[in-house]
Amino acid sequence: MVTIRIPTTLRTLTGGASTVEVEGTTVGEALANLDAAHPGFADRLFDADGLRRFVNVFLADDDVRYLDGVDTAVADGAEISIIPAVAGG
């Protein structure tokens, strides 16, 4: 099982849960299983090019964009964090 940390802005999809446990051997599988269990995540996380530009996904402390993207392998017990980018002045 992999734990996915859900940001406050997306907790309406999980009934308010701040973490969700799913199965998956890659980040992409885990996120797909998250969407299967709580529909609506795929639309908010992905576009035609992959991860949306303003969505950051971390495996432990590492941004998956600097690893193997959604193909990054995850071990049992790993923690994935979804972090929306914040912009402003």
N, C-alpha and C. Protein backbone atom coordinates (compact mmCIF):
# COMPACT_ATOMS: atom_id res chain seq x y z
N MET A 1 0.83 -1.19 0.00
CA MET A 1 0.00 0.00 0.00
C MET A 1 0.88 1.26 0.00
N VAL A 2 0.37 2.28 -0.64
CA VAL A 2 1.02 3.57 -0.74
C VAL A 2 0.08 4.60 -0.12
N THR A 3 0.61 5.52 0.65
CA THR A 3 -0.19 6.59 1.23
C THR A 3 -0.07 7.83 0.36
N ILE A 4 -1.22 8.40 0.01
CA ILE A 4 -1.23 9.63 -0.77
C ILE A 4 -1.78 10.74 0.11
N ARG A 5 -0.99 11.79 0.26
CA ARG A 5 -1.41 12.96 1.04
C ARG A 5 -2.21 13.89 0.13
N ILE A 6 -3.40 14.24 0.56
CA ILE A 6 -4.33 15.01 -0.25
C ILE A 6 -4.34 16.47 0.23
N PRO A 7 -4.15 17.44 -0.69
CA PRO A 7 -4.20 18.84 -0.27
C PRO A 7 -5.63 19.24 0.10
N THR A 8 -5.75 20.25 0.92
CA THR A 8 -7.06 20.71 1.39
C THR A 8 -8.02 20.98 0.25
N THR A 9 -7.53 21.56 -0.83
CA THR A 9 -8.41 21.93 -1.96
C THR A 9 -9.01 20.73 -2.67
N LEU A 10 -8.46 19.54 -2.50
CA LEU A 10 -8.99 18.35 -3.17
C LEU A 10 -9.67 17.37 -2.21
N ARG A 11 -9.76 17.73 -0.95
CA ARG A 11 -10.34 16.80 0.04
C ARG A 11 -11.83 16.60 -0.13
N THR A 12 -12.50 17.45 -0.90
CA THR A 12 -13.91 17.21 -1.17
C THR A 12 -14.10 15.91 -1.93
N LEU A 13 -13.08 15.52 -2.70
CA LEU A 13 -13.14 14.27 -3.47
C LEU A 13 -12.97 13.03 -2.59
N THR A 14 -12.36 13.21 -1.42
CA THR A 14 -12.09 12.08 -0.53
C THR A 14 -12.97 12.10 0.71
N GLY A 15 -14.03 12.91 0.69
CA GLY A 15 -14.90 13.00 1.84
C GLY A 15 -14.21 13.65 3.03
N GLY A 16 -13.21 14.48 2.76
CA GLY A 16 -12.50 15.19 3.81
C GLY A 16 -11.23 14.52 4.30
N ALA A 17 -10.94 13.33 3.82
CA ALA A 17 -9.74 12.61 4.27
C ALA A 17 -8.48 13.31 3.78
N SER A 18 -7.50 13.45 4.67
CA SER A 18 -6.24 14.09 4.31
C SER A 18 -5.24 13.10 3.73
N THR A 19 -5.46 11.82 3.94
CA THR A 19 -4.62 10.78 3.34
C THR A 19 -5.50 9.65 2.85
N VAL A 20 -5.03 8.99 1.81
CA VAL A 20 -5.73 7.83 1.26
C VAL A 20 -4.69 6.77 0.98
N GLU A 21 -5.00 5.52 1.29
CA GLU A 21 -4.09 4.43 0.98
C GLU A 21 -4.60 3.69 -0.25
N VAL A 22 -3.69 3.49 -1.20
CA VAL A 22 -4.01 2.79 -2.44
C VAL A 22 -2.87 1.83 -2.77
N GLU A 23 -3.13 0.95 -3.72
CA GLU A 23 -2.08 0.08 -4.20
C GLU A 23 -1.47 0.70 -5.44
N GLY A 24 -0.24 0.30 -5.74
CA GLY A 24 0.43 0.76 -6.95
C GLY A 24 1.92 0.54 -6.84
N THR A 25 2.52 0.20 -7.98
CA THR A 25 3.96 0.00 -8.01
C THR A 25 4.69 1.18 -8.63
N THR A 26 3.92 2.09 -9.23
CA THR A 26 4.47 3.34 -9.76
C THR A 26 3.59 4.49 -9.28
N VAL A 27 4.10 5.70 -9.39
CA VAL A 27 3.32 6.87 -9.03
C VAL A 27 2.05 6.92 -9.88
N GLY A 28 2.18 6.65 -11.16
CA GLY A 28 1.02 6.69 -12.06
C GLY A 28 -0.05 5.68 -11.68
N GLU A 29 0.36 4.46 -11.33
CA GLU A 29 -0.60 3.44 -10.89
C GLU A 29 -1.30 3.87 -9.62
N ALA A 30 -0.54 4.41 -8.68
CA ALA A 30 -1.13 4.86 -7.42
C ALA A 30 -2.14 5.98 -7.67
N LEU A 31 -1.81 6.92 -8.54
CA LEU A 31 -2.73 8.02 -8.84
C LEU A 31 -3.95 7.52 -9.60
N ALA A 32 -3.78 6.54 -10.48
CA ALA A 32 -4.92 5.95 -11.19
C ALA A 32 -5.84 5.23 -10.20
N ASN A 33 -5.26 4.54 -9.23
CA ASN A 33 -6.07 3.85 -8.23
C ASN A 33 -6.76 4.84 -7.29
N LEU A 34 -6.10 5.97 -7.04
CA LEU A 34 -6.74 7.04 -6.27
C LEU A 34 -7.97 7.54 -7.01
N ASP A 35 -7.83 7.76 -8.32
CA ASP A 35 -8.96 8.24 -9.12
C ASP A 35 -10.07 7.19 -9.20
N ALA A 36 -9.70 5.91 -9.25
CA ALA A 36 -10.71 4.85 -9.29
C ALA A 36 -11.51 4.81 -7.99
N ALA A 37 -10.82 5.02 -6.87
CA ALA A 37 -11.49 4.99 -5.57
C ALA A 37 -12.24 6.29 -5.27
N HIS A 38 -11.73 7.39 -5.80
CA HIS A 38 -12.30 8.72 -5.55
C HIS A 38 -12.32 9.49 -6.87
N PRO A 39 -13.32 9.24 -7.72
CA PRO A 39 -13.36 9.85 -9.05
C PRO A 39 -13.24 11.37 -9.02
N GLY A 40 -12.50 11.88 -10.00
CA GLY A 40 -12.32 13.32 -10.16
C GLY A 40 -10.87 13.75 -10.07
N PHE A 41 -10.02 12.88 -9.51
CA PHE A 41 -8.61 13.25 -9.38
C PHE A 41 -7.92 13.35 -10.74
N ALA A 42 -8.18 12.42 -11.64
CA ALA A 42 -7.49 12.42 -12.93
C ALA A 42 -7.71 13.74 -13.67
N ASP A 43 -8.93 14.23 -13.66
CA ASP A 43 -9.23 15.50 -14.35
C ASP A 43 -8.47 16.68 -13.74
N ARG A 44 -8.23 16.62 -12.46
CA ARG A 44 -7.56 17.73 -11.79
C ARG A 44 -6.04 17.62 -11.82
N LEU A 45 -5.53 16.41 -11.98
CA LEU A 45 -4.08 16.21 -11.95
C LEU A 45 -3.42 16.14 -13.32
N PHE A 46 -4.17 15.67 -14.33
CA PHE A 46 -3.57 15.41 -15.64
C PHE A 46 -4.24 16.20 -16.74
N ASP A 47 -3.45 16.53 -17.77
CA ASP A 47 -3.98 17.05 -19.02
C ASP A 47 -3.42 16.18 -20.14
N ALA A 48 -3.57 16.59 -21.37
CA ALA A 48 -3.12 15.78 -22.51
C ALA A 48 -1.61 15.54 -22.51
N ASP A 49 -0.84 16.40 -21.83
CA ASP A 49 0.61 16.28 -21.81
C ASP A 49 1.16 15.54 -20.59
N GLY A 50 0.29 15.12 -19.69
CA GLY A 50 0.73 14.45 -18.46
C GLY A 50 0.29 15.23 -17.25
N LEU A 51 1.16 15.30 -16.24
CA LEU A 51 0.81 16.07 -15.05
C LEU A 51 0.59 17.53 -15.42
N ARG A 52 -0.45 18.11 -14.87
CA ARG A 52 -0.72 19.52 -15.13
C ARG A 52 0.45 20.37 -14.63
N ARG A 53 0.67 21.47 -15.29
CA ARG A 53 1.82 22.33 -15.00
C ARG A 53 1.85 22.83 -13.56
N PHE A 54 0.67 23.11 -13.01
CA PHE A 54 0.62 23.69 -11.67
C PHE A 54 0.29 22.67 -10.59
N VAL A 55 0.53 21.41 -10.87
CA VAL A 55 0.36 20.36 -9.87
C VAL A 55 1.72 19.71 -9.66
N ASN A 56 2.15 19.65 -8.42
CA ASN A 56 3.41 19.00 -8.08
C ASN A 56 3.11 17.71 -7.34
N VAL A 57 3.82 16.66 -7.71
CA VAL A 57 3.66 15.37 -7.04
C VAL A 57 5.03 14.97 -6.52
N PHE A 58 5.08 14.69 -5.24
CA PHE A 58 6.33 14.32 -4.59
C PHE A 58 6.26 12.89 -4.09
N LEU A 59 7.34 12.17 -4.25
CA LEU A 59 7.53 10.87 -3.64
C LEU A 59 8.52 11.11 -2.52
N ALA A 60 8.06 10.97 -1.28
CA ALA A 60 8.84 11.38 -0.12
C ALA A 60 9.17 12.86 -0.31
N ASP A 61 10.45 13.23 -0.42
CA ASP A 61 10.84 14.63 -0.57
C ASP A 61 11.25 14.99 -1.99
N ASP A 62 11.03 14.09 -2.95
CA ASP A 62 11.51 14.30 -4.32
C ASP A 62 10.36 14.56 -5.29
N ASP A 63 10.48 15.64 -6.05
CA ASP A 63 9.52 15.96 -7.10
C ASP A 63 9.65 14.89 -8.19
N VAL A 64 8.54 14.22 -8.52
CA VAL A 64 8.63 13.13 -9.50
C VAL A 64 9.02 13.61 -10.88
N ARG A 65 8.87 14.90 -11.17
CA ARG A 65 9.30 15.44 -12.46
C ARG A 65 10.82 15.28 -12.65
N TYR A 66 11.55 15.25 -11.53
CA TYR A 66 13.00 15.11 -11.59
C TYR A 66 13.44 13.66 -11.40
N LEU A 67 12.48 12.77 -11.29
CA LEU A 67 12.77 11.33 -11.23
C LEU A 67 12.32 10.75 -12.56
N ASP A 68 11.44 9.76 -12.55
CA ASP A 68 10.92 9.17 -13.78
C ASP A 68 9.47 9.56 -14.02
N GLY A 69 9.06 10.72 -13.51
CA GLY A 69 7.69 11.17 -13.69
C GLY A 69 6.71 10.19 -13.08
N VAL A 70 5.58 9.99 -13.75
CA VAL A 70 4.58 9.07 -13.21
C VAL A 70 5.03 7.62 -13.31
N ASP A 71 6.12 7.36 -14.02
CA ASP A 71 6.68 6.00 -14.10
C ASP A 71 7.62 5.70 -12.94
N THR A 72 7.80 6.65 -12.03
CA THR A 72 8.66 6.46 -10.87
C THR A 72 8.13 5.30 -10.02
N ALA A 73 9.00 4.36 -9.72
CA ALA A 73 8.61 3.20 -8.91
C ALA A 73 8.39 3.63 -7.47
N VAL A 74 7.40 2.99 -6.83
CA VAL A 74 7.13 3.24 -5.41
C VAL A 74 7.18 1.91 -4.66
N ALA A 75 7.73 1.97 -3.48
CA ALA A 75 7.81 0.78 -2.63
C ALA A 75 6.60 0.75 -1.70
N ASP A 76 6.30 -0.43 -1.21
CA ASP A 76 5.24 -0.58 -0.24
C ASP A 76 5.53 0.32 0.96
N GLY A 77 4.54 1.09 1.39
CA GLY A 77 4.72 1.99 2.52
C GLY A 77 5.18 3.38 2.13
N ALA A 78 5.39 3.63 0.84
CA ALA A 78 5.85 4.94 0.38
C ALA A 78 4.76 5.99 0.59
N GLU A 79 5.18 7.26 0.58
CA GLU A 79 4.24 8.36 0.72
C GLU A 79 4.37 9.29 -0.47
N ILE A 80 3.23 9.54 -1.11
CA ILE A 80 3.14 10.46 -2.25
C ILE A 80 2.36 11.67 -1.77
N SER A 81 2.83 12.85 -2.11
CA SER A 81 2.13 14.09 -1.75
C SER A 81 1.73 14.83 -3.01
N ILE A 82 0.49 15.26 -3.06
CA ILE A 82 -0.01 16.11 -4.16
C ILE A 82 0.02 17.53 -3.61
N ILE A 83 0.76 18.41 -4.29
CA ILE A 83 0.91 19.78 -3.81
C ILE A 83 0.61 20.74 -4.95
N PRO A 84 -0.52 21.45 -4.87
CA PRO A 84 -0.81 22.43 -5.91
C PRO A 84 0.20 23.58 -5.82
N ALA A 85 0.66 24.05 -6.96
CA ALA A 85 1.58 25.18 -6.99
C ALA A 85 0.84 26.44 -6.55
N VAL A 86 1.55 27.31 -5.89
CA VAL A 86 0.98 28.57 -5.41
C VAL A 86 1.70 29.70 -6.14
N ALA A 87 0.93 30.60 -6.71
CA ALA A 87 1.52 31.74 -7.41
C ALA A 87 0.87 33.01 -6.86
N GLY A 88 1.54 34.08 -7.01
CA GLY A 88 0.98 35.34 -6.55
C GLY A 88 2.09 36.35 -6.33
N GLY A 89 1.71 37.45 -5.84
CA GLY A 89 2.71 38.50 -5.66
C GLY A 89 2.63 39.16 -4.34
